[in-house]
Amino acid sequence: MAAPGSPTETIVDLIRHGEPVGGRRYRGQTDDPLSEKGWAQMRSAVGDAPPWEVVVSSTLSRCLAFARELSTRHQLPLETDPRFMEIGFGAWEGRTPEELTMIDPLLIERFREDPVANRPEGAEALADFAGRVGAAWRDVVVRHAGRHVLIVAHGGVIRALVGQVLEVPLHRVFRISVPTAGISRIRVRQRGAQLVPELLFHAGRL
């Protein structure tokens, strides 16, 4: 047990869901399930002896179905939090990059360059999204201080969290690449209310 006042170290792994049915799309909060390929990607990524003590998942099925399987197979506590849902893409929901490019060849490029200034019509504001994801993250770290936690989430969620750890400006977070079933690891040292995170690796494997 740590001495009173000494830092508590918490390890949080972030894994993006595998490929959903329908392939690559700006699906946001559209609740498509994992494809067979997506299931295979996730199972391969975590292996047979995962190190986690608790699993926390987005409530969307492309994350939650695998989180439930992992939790059951390895007898791990499972928590869900809707704040870890993907950003809402508004008018882009369910659209493929090819469809959007046909509307405007530079539409996606402008969004990636500055998603704050080029938000899709009806989409969730990036600042609001980052705020809810950051609040959920802090709750997990405080609630599970000293443990090794897995968060099963989405590309946008992981971009937001890695961006916050590295203090990347919000309008640049979509420059962070997050592959399907990629794993990122963050170590957090906590002293009282202060959380000091450190990115150990990004978009890797166990």
N, C-alpha and C. Protein backbone atom coordinates (compact mmCIF):
# COMPACT_ATOMS: atom_id res chain seq x y z
N MET A 1 0.85 -1.20 0.00
CA MET A 1 0.00 0.00 0.00
C MET A 1 0.88 1.24 0.00
N ALA A 2 0.51 2.24 -0.81
CA ALA A 2 1.30 3.46 -0.88
C ALA A 2 1.22 4.23 0.43
N ALA A 3 2.33 4.91 0.77
CA ALA A 3 2.35 5.72 1.98
C ALA A 3 1.42 6.91 1.82
N PRO A 4 0.86 7.41 2.94
CA PRO A 4 -0.04 8.56 2.85
C PRO A 4 0.62 9.72 2.11
N GLY A 5 -0.08 10.30 1.16
CA GLY A 5 0.44 11.44 0.43
C GLY A 5 1.31 11.08 -0.76
N SER A 6 1.68 9.82 -0.92
CA SER A 6 2.52 9.43 -2.05
C SER A 6 1.66 9.30 -3.30
N PRO A 7 2.26 9.46 -4.49
CA PRO A 7 1.47 9.38 -5.72
C PRO A 7 0.90 7.98 -5.95
N THR A 8 -0.30 7.94 -6.51
CA THR A 8 -0.90 6.69 -6.94
C THR A 8 -0.74 6.58 -8.44
N GLU A 9 -0.28 5.41 -8.92
CA GLU A 9 -0.08 5.22 -10.35
C GLU A 9 -1.21 4.36 -10.92
N THR A 10 -1.85 4.87 -11.93
CA THR A 10 -2.95 4.18 -12.60
C THR A 10 -2.57 4.01 -14.07
N ILE A 11 -2.84 2.83 -14.63
CA ILE A 11 -2.59 2.59 -16.05
C ILE A 11 -3.94 2.45 -16.75
N VAL A 12 -4.12 3.24 -17.80
CA VAL A 12 -5.35 3.17 -18.58
C VAL A 12 -4.99 2.87 -20.03
N ASP A 13 -5.51 1.77 -20.55
CA ASP A 13 -5.36 1.43 -21.96
C ASP A 13 -6.63 1.83 -22.70
N LEU A 14 -6.46 2.39 -23.87
CA LEU A 14 -7.57 2.78 -24.74
C LEU A 14 -7.51 1.91 -25.98
N ILE A 15 -8.61 1.25 -26.32
CA ILE A 15 -8.65 0.47 -27.56
C ILE A 15 -9.81 0.93 -28.41
N ARG A 16 -9.51 1.16 -29.69
CA ARG A 16 -10.58 1.51 -30.62
C ARG A 16 -11.26 0.23 -31.09
N HIS A 17 -12.56 0.31 -31.28
CA HIS A 17 -13.32 -0.84 -31.79
C HIS A 17 -12.76 -1.29 -33.14
N GLY A 18 -13.05 -2.54 -33.51
CA GLY A 18 -12.69 -3.05 -34.82
C GLY A 18 -13.61 -2.52 -35.90
N GLU A 19 -13.43 -3.04 -37.11
CA GLU A 19 -14.23 -2.59 -38.25
C GLU A 19 -15.71 -2.91 -38.05
N PRO A 20 -16.60 -1.93 -38.21
CA PRO A 20 -18.03 -2.22 -38.13
C PRO A 20 -18.59 -2.72 -39.46
N VAL A 21 -19.79 -3.27 -39.40
CA VAL A 21 -20.52 -3.61 -40.61
C VAL A 21 -20.71 -2.34 -41.44
N GLY A 22 -20.42 -2.45 -42.72
CA GLY A 22 -20.54 -1.29 -43.60
C GLY A 22 -19.22 -0.62 -43.89
N GLY A 23 -18.13 -1.07 -43.23
CA GLY A 23 -16.81 -0.53 -43.53
C GLY A 23 -16.62 0.90 -43.07
N ARG A 24 -15.71 1.59 -43.72
CA ARG A 24 -15.30 2.92 -43.29
C ARG A 24 -16.37 3.95 -43.59
N ARG A 25 -16.84 4.61 -42.54
CA ARG A 25 -17.84 5.66 -42.66
C ARG A 25 -17.66 6.65 -41.53
N TYR A 26 -18.23 7.83 -41.70
CA TYR A 26 -18.34 8.77 -40.58
C TYR A 26 -19.63 8.43 -39.85
N ARG A 27 -19.58 7.33 -39.08
CA ARG A 27 -20.82 6.83 -38.50
C ARG A 27 -21.14 7.51 -37.17
N GLY A 28 -20.17 8.12 -36.51
CA GLY A 28 -20.47 8.86 -35.29
C GLY A 28 -21.24 8.04 -34.29
N GLN A 29 -22.49 8.42 -34.02
CA GLN A 29 -23.32 7.72 -33.04
C GLN A 29 -24.32 6.77 -33.68
N THR A 30 -24.19 6.54 -34.99
CA THR A 30 -24.97 5.49 -35.65
C THR A 30 -24.50 4.15 -35.10
N ASP A 31 -25.45 3.32 -34.67
CA ASP A 31 -25.07 2.15 -33.86
C ASP A 31 -24.87 0.89 -34.70
N ASP A 32 -23.90 0.92 -35.61
CA ASP A 32 -23.58 -0.27 -36.40
C ASP A 32 -22.77 -1.26 -35.56
N PRO A 33 -23.04 -2.57 -35.69
CA PRO A 33 -22.28 -3.58 -34.95
C PRO A 33 -20.95 -3.87 -35.63
N LEU A 34 -20.11 -4.62 -34.93
CA LEU A 34 -18.85 -5.08 -35.52
C LEU A 34 -19.11 -6.07 -36.64
N SER A 35 -18.28 -6.01 -37.68
CA SER A 35 -18.29 -7.04 -38.72
C SER A 35 -17.49 -8.25 -38.22
N GLU A 36 -17.52 -9.33 -38.97
CA GLU A 36 -16.69 -10.49 -38.60
C GLU A 36 -15.22 -10.11 -38.55
N LYS A 37 -14.80 -9.29 -39.52
CA LYS A 37 -13.41 -8.81 -39.51
C LYS A 37 -13.13 -7.99 -38.25
N GLY A 38 -14.10 -7.16 -37.85
CA GLY A 38 -13.93 -6.35 -36.65
C GLY A 38 -13.77 -7.18 -35.40
N TRP A 39 -14.59 -8.24 -35.27
CA TRP A 39 -14.44 -9.15 -34.13
C TRP A 39 -13.05 -9.79 -34.12
N ALA A 40 -12.59 -10.22 -35.28
CA ALA A 40 -11.26 -10.86 -35.36
C ALA A 40 -10.17 -9.87 -34.99
N GLN A 41 -10.31 -8.62 -35.41
CA GLN A 41 -9.32 -7.61 -35.07
C GLN A 41 -9.24 -7.41 -33.56
N MET A 42 -10.38 -7.33 -32.91
CA MET A 42 -10.41 -7.08 -31.46
C MET A 42 -9.85 -8.27 -30.69
N ARG A 43 -10.26 -9.46 -31.05
CA ARG A 43 -9.78 -10.65 -30.34
C ARG A 43 -8.28 -10.81 -30.51
N SER A 44 -7.77 -10.52 -31.70
CA SER A 44 -6.33 -10.61 -31.93
C SER A 44 -5.58 -9.57 -31.11
N ALA A 45 -6.15 -8.38 -30.99
CA ALA A 45 -5.47 -7.27 -30.30
C ALA A 45 -5.29 -7.54 -28.81
N VAL A 46 -6.26 -8.20 -28.17
CA VAL A 46 -6.19 -8.37 -26.72
C VAL A 46 -5.54 -9.68 -26.31
N GLY A 47 -5.49 -10.67 -27.20
CA GLY A 47 -4.84 -11.93 -26.88
C GLY A 47 -5.60 -12.75 -25.85
N ASP A 48 -4.89 -13.73 -25.28
CA ASP A 48 -5.52 -14.69 -24.37
C ASP A 48 -5.29 -14.40 -22.90
N ALA A 49 -4.41 -13.46 -22.59
CA ALA A 49 -4.10 -13.16 -21.19
C ALA A 49 -4.05 -11.66 -20.97
N PRO A 50 -5.17 -10.97 -21.13
CA PRO A 50 -5.17 -9.52 -20.98
C PRO A 50 -4.83 -9.10 -19.56
N PRO A 51 -4.19 -7.93 -19.39
CA PRO A 51 -3.69 -7.53 -18.08
C PRO A 51 -4.66 -6.71 -17.23
N TRP A 52 -5.88 -6.47 -17.73
CA TRP A 52 -6.72 -5.47 -17.09
C TRP A 52 -7.48 -6.00 -15.88
N GLU A 53 -7.84 -5.06 -15.01
CA GLU A 53 -8.61 -5.38 -13.81
C GLU A 53 -10.07 -4.97 -13.94
N VAL A 54 -10.35 -4.07 -14.86
CA VAL A 54 -11.72 -3.62 -15.09
C VAL A 54 -11.82 -3.11 -16.51
N VAL A 55 -13.00 -3.25 -17.11
CA VAL A 55 -13.26 -2.79 -18.47
C VAL A 55 -14.36 -1.73 -18.42
N VAL A 56 -14.13 -0.62 -19.12
CA VAL A 56 -15.11 0.45 -19.24
C VAL A 56 -15.39 0.63 -20.73
N SER A 57 -16.66 0.75 -21.11
CA SER A 57 -17.00 0.79 -22.53
C SER A 57 -17.98 1.90 -22.87
N SER A 58 -17.83 2.41 -24.09
CA SER A 58 -18.88 3.18 -24.72
C SER A 58 -20.15 2.32 -24.77
N THR A 59 -21.29 2.97 -24.82
CA THR A 59 -22.55 2.22 -24.88
C THR A 59 -22.93 1.82 -26.30
N LEU A 60 -22.19 2.25 -27.31
CA LEU A 60 -22.50 1.85 -28.68
C LEU A 60 -22.05 0.41 -28.91
N SER A 61 -22.82 -0.34 -29.71
CA SER A 61 -22.64 -1.78 -29.79
C SER A 61 -21.30 -2.19 -30.37
N ARG A 62 -20.69 -1.39 -31.24
CA ARG A 62 -19.42 -1.78 -31.82
C ARG A 62 -18.29 -1.80 -30.79
N CYS A 63 -18.54 -1.19 -29.64
CA CYS A 63 -17.61 -1.28 -28.51
C CYS A 63 -18.15 -2.24 -27.44
N LEU A 64 -19.42 -2.08 -27.10
CA LEU A 64 -19.98 -2.77 -25.95
C LEU A 64 -20.07 -4.28 -26.15
N ALA A 65 -20.39 -4.74 -27.35
CA ALA A 65 -20.52 -6.19 -27.56
C ALA A 65 -19.19 -6.89 -27.27
N PHE A 66 -18.10 -6.32 -27.76
CA PHE A 66 -16.80 -6.93 -27.48
C PHE A 66 -16.43 -6.79 -26.01
N ALA A 67 -16.71 -5.64 -25.42
CA ALA A 67 -16.39 -5.44 -24.00
C ALA A 67 -17.11 -6.47 -23.14
N ARG A 68 -18.34 -6.78 -23.48
CA ARG A 68 -19.10 -7.80 -22.73
C ARG A 68 -18.46 -9.17 -22.89
N GLU A 69 -18.07 -9.51 -24.12
CA GLU A 69 -17.42 -10.80 -24.33
C GLU A 69 -16.12 -10.89 -23.53
N LEU A 70 -15.32 -9.85 -23.60
CA LEU A 70 -14.04 -9.83 -22.88
C LEU A 70 -14.26 -9.94 -21.37
N SER A 71 -15.24 -9.20 -20.87
CA SER A 71 -15.54 -9.22 -19.45
C SER A 71 -15.99 -10.60 -18.99
N THR A 72 -16.86 -11.24 -19.77
CA THR A 72 -17.36 -12.57 -19.42
C THR A 72 -16.26 -13.61 -19.48
N ARG A 73 -15.48 -13.58 -20.55
CA ARG A 73 -14.45 -14.60 -20.75
C ARG A 73 -13.38 -14.56 -19.65
N HIS A 74 -13.04 -13.36 -19.19
CA HIS A 74 -11.95 -13.22 -18.23
C HIS A 74 -12.43 -12.79 -16.84
N GLN A 75 -13.75 -12.80 -16.63
CA GLN A 75 -14.34 -12.48 -15.33
C GLN A 75 -13.86 -11.12 -14.82
N LEU A 76 -13.99 -10.12 -15.69
CA LEU A 76 -13.60 -8.76 -15.35
C LEU A 76 -14.85 -7.91 -15.12
N PRO A 77 -14.83 -7.03 -14.13
CA PRO A 77 -15.96 -6.11 -13.98
C PRO A 77 -16.11 -5.24 -15.23
N LEU A 78 -17.36 -5.00 -15.61
CA LEU A 78 -17.65 -4.19 -16.79
C LEU A 78 -18.50 -2.99 -16.40
N GLU A 79 -18.07 -1.82 -16.84
CA GLU A 79 -18.84 -0.60 -16.65
C GLU A 79 -19.11 0.02 -18.02
N THR A 80 -20.23 0.72 -18.14
CA THR A 80 -20.53 1.45 -19.37
C THR A 80 -20.70 2.93 -19.04
N ASP A 81 -20.36 3.77 -20.01
CA ASP A 81 -20.50 5.21 -19.81
C ASP A 81 -20.82 5.85 -21.17
N PRO A 82 -22.02 6.40 -21.33
CA PRO A 82 -22.39 7.00 -22.62
C PRO A 82 -21.53 8.20 -22.99
N ARG A 83 -20.79 8.76 -22.03
CA ARG A 83 -19.92 9.89 -22.35
C ARG A 83 -18.74 9.47 -23.22
N PHE A 84 -18.47 8.16 -23.30
CA PHE A 84 -17.41 7.67 -24.18
C PHE A 84 -17.92 7.34 -25.59
N MET A 85 -19.17 7.73 -25.90
CA MET A 85 -19.66 7.56 -27.27
C MET A 85 -18.88 8.47 -28.21
N GLU A 86 -18.87 8.07 -29.50
CA GLU A 86 -18.20 8.85 -30.52
C GLU A 86 -18.86 10.23 -30.67
N ILE A 87 -18.10 11.16 -31.23
CA ILE A 87 -18.66 12.48 -31.54
C ILE A 87 -19.81 12.32 -32.53
N GLY A 88 -20.84 13.12 -32.37
CA GLY A 88 -21.94 13.10 -33.32
C GLY A 88 -21.57 13.88 -34.57
N PHE A 89 -21.69 13.25 -35.75
CA PHE A 89 -21.25 13.88 -36.99
C PHE A 89 -22.35 14.60 -37.75
N GLY A 90 -23.53 14.70 -37.16
CA GLY A 90 -24.58 15.49 -37.80
C GLY A 90 -24.92 14.98 -39.20
N ALA A 91 -24.85 15.88 -40.19
CA ALA A 91 -25.21 15.54 -41.57
C ALA A 91 -24.27 14.52 -42.20
N TRP A 92 -23.11 14.28 -41.58
CA TRP A 92 -22.16 13.29 -42.11
C TRP A 92 -22.43 11.88 -41.58
N GLU A 93 -23.36 11.74 -40.66
CA GLU A 93 -23.62 10.42 -40.05
C GLU A 93 -23.93 9.38 -41.13
N GLY A 94 -23.17 8.28 -41.10
CA GLY A 94 -23.41 7.18 -42.01
C GLY A 94 -22.84 7.36 -43.41
N ARG A 95 -22.24 8.51 -43.71
CA ARG A 95 -21.72 8.77 -45.04
C ARG A 95 -20.29 8.25 -45.18
N THR A 96 -19.95 7.75 -46.36
CA THR A 96 -18.59 7.30 -46.62
C THR A 96 -17.74 8.48 -47.06
N PRO A 97 -16.41 8.37 -46.92
CA PRO A 97 -15.54 9.44 -47.43
C PRO A 97 -15.77 9.70 -48.92
N GLU A 98 -16.02 8.64 -49.68
CA GLU A 98 -16.24 8.79 -51.12
C GLU A 98 -17.49 9.62 -51.40
N GLU A 99 -18.54 9.38 -50.64
CA GLU A 99 -19.78 10.15 -50.82
C GLU A 99 -19.56 11.63 -50.51
N LEU A 100 -18.83 11.90 -49.45
CA LEU A 100 -18.59 13.29 -49.08
C LEU A 100 -17.68 13.99 -50.09
N THR A 101 -16.72 13.26 -50.61
CA THR A 101 -15.80 13.83 -51.60
C THR A 101 -16.54 14.19 -52.90
N MET A 102 -17.57 13.41 -53.23
CA MET A 102 -18.37 13.72 -54.42
C MET A 102 -19.13 15.03 -54.23
N ILE A 103 -19.53 15.34 -53.00
CA ILE A 103 -20.22 16.60 -52.72
C ILE A 103 -19.26 17.77 -52.86
N ASP A 104 -18.04 17.59 -52.30
CA ASP A 104 -17.01 18.63 -52.32
C ASP A 104 -15.67 17.95 -52.14
N PRO A 105 -14.80 18.00 -53.15
CA PRO A 105 -13.51 17.28 -53.05
C PRO A 105 -12.64 17.70 -51.87
N LEU A 106 -12.85 18.91 -51.35
CA LEU A 106 -12.01 19.42 -50.26
C LEU A 106 -12.72 19.38 -48.90
N LEU A 107 -13.92 18.81 -48.87
CA LEU A 107 -14.73 18.85 -47.65
C LEU A 107 -14.02 18.16 -46.49
N ILE A 108 -13.54 16.94 -46.70
CA ILE A 108 -12.88 16.19 -45.63
C ILE A 108 -11.53 16.82 -45.27
N GLU A 109 -10.81 17.28 -46.28
CA GLU A 109 -9.51 17.91 -46.03
C GLU A 109 -9.64 19.12 -45.13
N ARG A 110 -10.65 19.95 -45.38
CA ARG A 110 -10.87 21.14 -44.53
C ARG A 110 -11.23 20.74 -43.11
N PHE A 111 -12.05 19.69 -42.99
CA PHE A 111 -12.43 19.22 -41.65
C PHE A 111 -11.22 18.73 -40.88
N ARG A 112 -10.38 17.93 -41.51
CA ARG A 112 -9.20 17.41 -40.82
C ARG A 112 -8.23 18.52 -40.44
N GLU A 113 -8.13 19.52 -41.30
CA GLU A 113 -7.22 20.63 -41.04
C GLU A 113 -7.68 21.44 -39.84
N ASP A 114 -9.00 21.64 -39.73
CA ASP A 114 -9.54 22.42 -38.61
C ASP A 114 -10.99 22.01 -38.37
N PRO A 115 -11.23 20.95 -37.56
CA PRO A 115 -12.59 20.48 -37.32
C PRO A 115 -13.43 21.43 -36.48
N VAL A 116 -12.80 22.38 -35.82
CA VAL A 116 -13.56 23.37 -35.06
C VAL A 116 -14.24 24.35 -36.01
N ALA A 117 -13.47 24.85 -36.97
CA ALA A 117 -14.00 25.84 -37.90
C ALA A 117 -14.82 25.22 -39.02
N ASN A 118 -14.66 23.91 -39.25
CA ASN A 118 -15.33 23.24 -40.38
C ASN A 118 -16.20 22.09 -39.90
N ARG A 119 -16.95 22.34 -38.84
CA ARG A 119 -17.84 21.32 -38.28
C ARG A 119 -18.97 20.99 -39.26
N PRO A 120 -19.27 19.68 -39.46
CA PRO A 120 -20.40 19.32 -40.32
C PRO A 120 -21.71 19.88 -39.78
N GLU A 121 -22.64 20.15 -40.66
CA GLU A 121 -23.93 20.69 -40.25
C GLU A 121 -24.60 19.76 -39.23
N GLY A 122 -25.00 20.33 -38.10
CA GLY A 122 -25.70 19.57 -37.07
C GLY A 122 -24.80 18.71 -36.20
N ALA A 123 -23.48 18.77 -36.40
CA ALA A 123 -22.56 17.93 -35.63
C ALA A 123 -22.35 18.48 -34.22
N GLU A 124 -21.97 17.58 -33.33
CA GLU A 124 -21.63 17.97 -31.97
C GLU A 124 -20.41 18.88 -31.98
N ALA A 125 -20.45 19.96 -31.22
CA ALA A 125 -19.30 20.86 -31.14
C ALA A 125 -18.11 20.12 -30.54
N LEU A 126 -16.94 20.30 -31.14
CA LEU A 126 -15.76 19.57 -30.70
C LEU A 126 -15.41 19.90 -29.24
N ALA A 127 -15.61 21.13 -28.83
CA ALA A 127 -15.31 21.50 -27.44
C ALA A 127 -16.25 20.77 -26.48
N ASP A 128 -17.52 20.64 -26.84
CA ASP A 128 -18.47 19.91 -25.99
C ASP A 128 -18.09 18.43 -25.92
N PHE A 129 -17.74 17.87 -27.07
CA PHE A 129 -17.32 16.47 -27.13
C PHE A 129 -16.09 16.23 -26.26
N ALA A 130 -15.08 17.06 -26.42
CA ALA A 130 -13.85 16.91 -25.63
C ALA A 130 -14.14 17.07 -24.15
N GLY A 131 -15.06 17.95 -23.81
CA GLY A 131 -15.41 18.16 -22.41
C GLY A 131 -16.06 16.94 -21.78
N ARG A 132 -17.01 16.31 -22.50
CA ARG A 132 -17.68 15.13 -21.91
C ARG A 132 -16.73 13.95 -21.83
N VAL A 133 -15.88 13.77 -22.86
CA VAL A 133 -14.92 12.68 -22.83
C VAL A 133 -13.90 12.88 -21.72
N GLY A 134 -13.41 14.11 -21.57
CA GLY A 134 -12.44 14.39 -20.51
C GLY A 134 -13.02 14.19 -19.12
N ALA A 135 -14.29 14.56 -18.95
CA ALA A 135 -14.93 14.36 -17.64
C ALA A 135 -15.08 12.88 -17.32
N ALA A 136 -15.47 12.08 -18.32
CA ALA A 136 -15.60 10.63 -18.12
C ALA A 136 -14.25 10.02 -17.80
N TRP A 137 -13.23 10.45 -18.50
CA TRP A 137 -11.86 9.96 -18.27
C TRP A 137 -11.40 10.23 -16.83
N ARG A 138 -11.60 11.46 -16.37
CA ARG A 138 -11.18 11.81 -15.00
C ARG A 138 -11.93 10.97 -13.98
N ASP A 139 -13.22 10.74 -14.20
CA ASP A 139 -13.99 9.90 -13.28
C ASP A 139 -13.43 8.48 -13.21
N VAL A 140 -13.06 7.92 -14.36
CA VAL A 140 -12.49 6.57 -14.39
C VAL A 140 -11.17 6.52 -13.63
N VAL A 141 -10.32 7.49 -13.87
CA VAL A 141 -9.00 7.49 -13.22
C VAL A 141 -9.12 7.63 -11.71
N VAL A 142 -10.02 8.48 -11.26
CA VAL A 142 -10.21 8.66 -9.82
C VAL A 142 -10.86 7.43 -9.20
N ARG A 143 -11.89 6.91 -9.86
CA ARG A 143 -12.63 5.77 -9.30
C ARG A 143 -11.78 4.51 -9.25
N HIS A 144 -10.88 4.34 -10.21
CA HIS A 144 -10.06 3.13 -10.29
C HIS A 144 -8.59 3.43 -10.06
N ALA A 145 -8.32 4.36 -9.18
CA ALA A 145 -6.93 4.74 -8.88
C ALA A 145 -6.12 3.52 -8.46
N GLY A 146 -4.94 3.38 -9.05
CA GLY A 146 -4.04 2.29 -8.70
C GLY A 146 -4.29 1.01 -9.46
N ARG A 147 -5.26 1.00 -10.38
CA ARG A 147 -5.60 -0.21 -11.12
C ARG A 147 -5.18 -0.10 -12.58
N HIS A 148 -5.34 -1.19 -13.31
CA HIS A 148 -5.07 -1.23 -14.75
C HIS A 148 -6.42 -1.37 -15.44
N VAL A 149 -6.80 -0.35 -16.18
CA VAL A 149 -8.15 -0.22 -16.74
C VAL A 149 -8.08 -0.26 -18.27
N LEU A 150 -9.07 -0.88 -18.89
CA LEU A 150 -9.24 -0.81 -20.34
C LEU A 150 -10.49 -0.01 -20.65
N ILE A 151 -10.36 0.98 -21.54
CA ILE A 151 -11.51 1.72 -22.05
C ILE A 151 -11.69 1.33 -23.51
N VAL A 152 -12.87 0.79 -23.84
CA VAL A 152 -13.20 0.40 -25.21
C VAL A 152 -14.02 1.54 -25.81
N ALA A 153 -13.45 2.20 -26.82
CA ALA A 153 -14.09 3.42 -27.31
C ALA A 153 -13.85 3.60 -28.81
N HIS A 154 -13.85 4.84 -29.25
CA HIS A 154 -13.90 5.20 -30.67
C HIS A 154 -12.69 6.05 -31.05
N GLY A 155 -12.49 6.17 -32.37
CA GLY A 155 -11.36 6.95 -32.84
C GLY A 155 -11.36 8.38 -32.33
N GLY A 156 -12.52 9.04 -32.39
CA GLY A 156 -12.59 10.41 -31.92
C GLY A 156 -12.34 10.54 -30.43
N VAL A 157 -12.86 9.59 -29.66
CA VAL A 157 -12.64 9.60 -28.20
C VAL A 157 -11.15 9.48 -27.88
N ILE A 158 -10.49 8.56 -28.57
CA ILE A 158 -9.06 8.35 -28.30
C ILE A 158 -8.24 9.55 -28.76
N ARG A 159 -8.60 10.14 -29.90
CA ARG A 159 -7.93 11.37 -30.33
C ARG A 159 -8.07 12.46 -29.27
N ALA A 160 -9.28 12.63 -28.76
CA ALA A 160 -9.51 13.66 -27.75
C ALA A 160 -8.68 13.43 -26.50
N LEU A 161 -8.62 12.18 -26.03
CA LEU A 161 -7.89 11.89 -24.80
C LEU A 161 -6.38 12.00 -24.99
N VAL A 162 -5.87 11.43 -26.08
CA VAL A 162 -4.44 11.56 -26.35
C VAL A 162 -4.08 13.04 -26.55
N GLY A 163 -4.96 13.77 -27.23
CA GLY A 163 -4.72 15.19 -27.41
C GLY A 163 -4.68 15.94 -26.10
N GLN A 164 -5.54 15.58 -25.15
CA GLN A 164 -5.52 16.24 -23.85
C GLN A 164 -4.26 15.91 -23.07
N VAL A 165 -3.83 14.65 -23.14
CA VAL A 165 -2.59 14.25 -22.44
C VAL A 165 -1.40 15.03 -22.98
N LEU A 166 -1.33 15.18 -24.30
CA LEU A 166 -0.19 15.85 -24.95
C LEU A 166 -0.40 17.35 -25.12
N GLU A 167 -1.56 17.84 -24.67
CA GLU A 167 -1.90 19.26 -24.78
C GLU A 167 -1.87 19.74 -26.23
N VAL A 168 -2.44 18.91 -27.12
CA VAL A 168 -2.58 19.27 -28.52
C VAL A 168 -3.75 20.24 -28.65
N PRO A 169 -3.60 21.34 -29.39
CA PRO A 169 -4.74 22.25 -29.59
C PRO A 169 -5.94 21.50 -30.16
N LEU A 170 -7.12 21.86 -29.72
CA LEU A 170 -8.33 21.11 -30.08
C LEU A 170 -8.52 21.04 -31.59
N HIS A 171 -8.19 22.11 -32.29
CA HIS A 171 -8.42 22.11 -33.74
C HIS A 171 -7.39 21.28 -34.50
N ARG A 172 -6.46 20.63 -33.78
CA ARG A 172 -5.46 19.78 -34.43
C ARG A 172 -5.60 18.30 -34.06
N VAL A 173 -6.59 17.93 -33.25
CA VAL A 173 -6.64 16.55 -32.76
C VAL A 173 -6.95 15.53 -33.85
N PHE A 174 -7.58 15.95 -34.96
CA PHE A 174 -7.86 14.99 -36.02
C PHE A 174 -6.62 14.70 -36.87
N ARG A 175 -5.48 15.25 -36.49
CA ARG A 175 -4.22 14.86 -37.10
C ARG A 175 -3.63 13.63 -36.40
N ILE A 176 -4.26 13.19 -35.33
CA ILE A 176 -3.82 11.99 -34.61
C ILE A 176 -4.49 10.78 -35.26
N SER A 177 -3.70 9.87 -35.78
CA SER A 177 -4.23 8.67 -36.43
C SER A 177 -4.54 7.61 -35.38
N VAL A 178 -5.71 6.98 -35.50
CA VAL A 178 -6.13 5.93 -34.56
C VAL A 178 -6.64 4.75 -35.37
N PRO A 179 -5.85 3.68 -35.52
CA PRO A 179 -6.30 2.54 -36.32
C PRO A 179 -7.34 1.70 -35.59
N THR A 180 -8.14 0.95 -36.35
CA THR A 180 -9.08 0.04 -35.73
C THR A 180 -8.33 -0.98 -34.88
N ALA A 181 -8.84 -1.24 -33.68
CA ALA A 181 -8.26 -2.18 -32.72
C ALA A 181 -6.87 -1.77 -32.24
N GLY A 182 -6.48 -0.53 -32.50
CA GLY A 182 -5.21 -0.03 -31.99
C GLY A 182 -5.33 0.28 -30.50
N ILE A 183 -4.24 0.08 -29.77
CA ILE A 183 -4.22 0.28 -28.32
C ILE A 183 -3.25 1.40 -27.97
N SER A 184 -3.68 2.30 -27.09
CA SER A 184 -2.82 3.35 -26.54
C SER A 184 -2.79 3.19 -25.03
N ARG A 185 -1.65 3.50 -24.43
CA ARG A 185 -1.51 3.32 -22.97
C ARG A 185 -1.08 4.63 -22.33
N ILE A 186 -1.80 4.98 -21.28
CA ILE A 186 -1.52 6.21 -20.53
C ILE A 186 -1.28 5.84 -19.07
N ARG A 187 -0.19 6.35 -18.53
CA ARG A 187 0.08 6.19 -17.10
C ARG A 187 -0.27 7.51 -16.41
N VAL A 188 -1.01 7.41 -15.32
CA VAL A 188 -1.44 8.60 -14.59
C VAL A 188 -0.94 8.52 -13.17
N ARG A 189 -0.21 9.55 -12.76
CA ARG A 189 0.19 9.67 -11.36
C ARG A 189 -0.74 10.67 -10.70
N GLN A 190 -1.28 10.28 -9.57
CA GLN A 190 -2.30 11.08 -8.90
C GLN A 190 -1.85 11.41 -7.48
N ARG A 191 -1.88 12.70 -7.16
CA ARG A 191 -1.63 13.14 -5.79
C ARG A 191 -2.76 14.09 -5.41
N GLY A 192 -3.64 13.61 -4.55
CA GLY A 192 -4.82 14.38 -4.22
C GLY A 192 -5.69 14.55 -5.45
N ALA A 193 -6.05 15.79 -5.76
CA ALA A 193 -6.91 16.06 -6.91
C ALA A 193 -6.11 16.24 -8.20
N GLN A 194 -4.80 16.26 -8.12
CA GLN A 194 -3.96 16.50 -9.29
C GLN A 194 -3.67 15.21 -10.04
N LEU A 195 -3.95 15.19 -11.35
CA LEU A 195 -3.67 14.06 -12.22
C LEU A 195 -2.58 14.46 -13.20
N VAL A 196 -1.51 13.65 -13.26
CA VAL A 196 -0.40 13.94 -14.16
C VAL A 196 -0.27 12.76 -15.12
N PRO A 197 -0.80 12.88 -16.35
CA PRO A 197 -0.79 11.76 -17.30
C PRO A 197 0.46 11.75 -18.17
N GLU A 198 0.83 10.57 -18.62
CA GLU A 198 1.98 10.38 -19.51
C GLU A 198 1.61 9.32 -20.55
N LEU A 199 1.75 9.64 -21.82
CA LEU A 199 1.47 8.69 -22.89
C LEU A 199 2.66 7.73 -23.03
N LEU A 200 2.42 6.45 -22.80
CA LEU A 200 3.49 5.44 -22.89
C LEU A 200 3.64 4.91 -24.30
N PHE A 201 2.52 4.64 -24.98
CA PHE A 201 2.58 4.32 -26.40
C PHE A 201 1.21 4.58 -27.01
N HIS A 202 1.20 4.68 -28.35
CA HIS A 202 -0.04 5.02 -29.05
C HIS A 202 -0.19 4.15 -30.29
N ALA A 203 -1.43 3.71 -30.55
CA ALA A 203 -1.77 2.95 -31.75
C ALA A 203 -0.91 1.70 -31.90
N GLY A 204 -0.64 1.03 -30.76
CA GLY A 204 0.19 -0.16 -30.78
C GLY A 204 -0.59 -1.41 -30.43
N ARG A 205 0.14 -2.38 -29.91
CA ARG A 205 -0.44 -3.65 -29.50
C ARG A 205 0.13 -4.02 -28.14
N LEU A 206 -0.51 -4.97 -27.47
CA LEU A 206 0.00 -5.42 -26.17
C LEU A 206 1.34 -6.12 -26.34
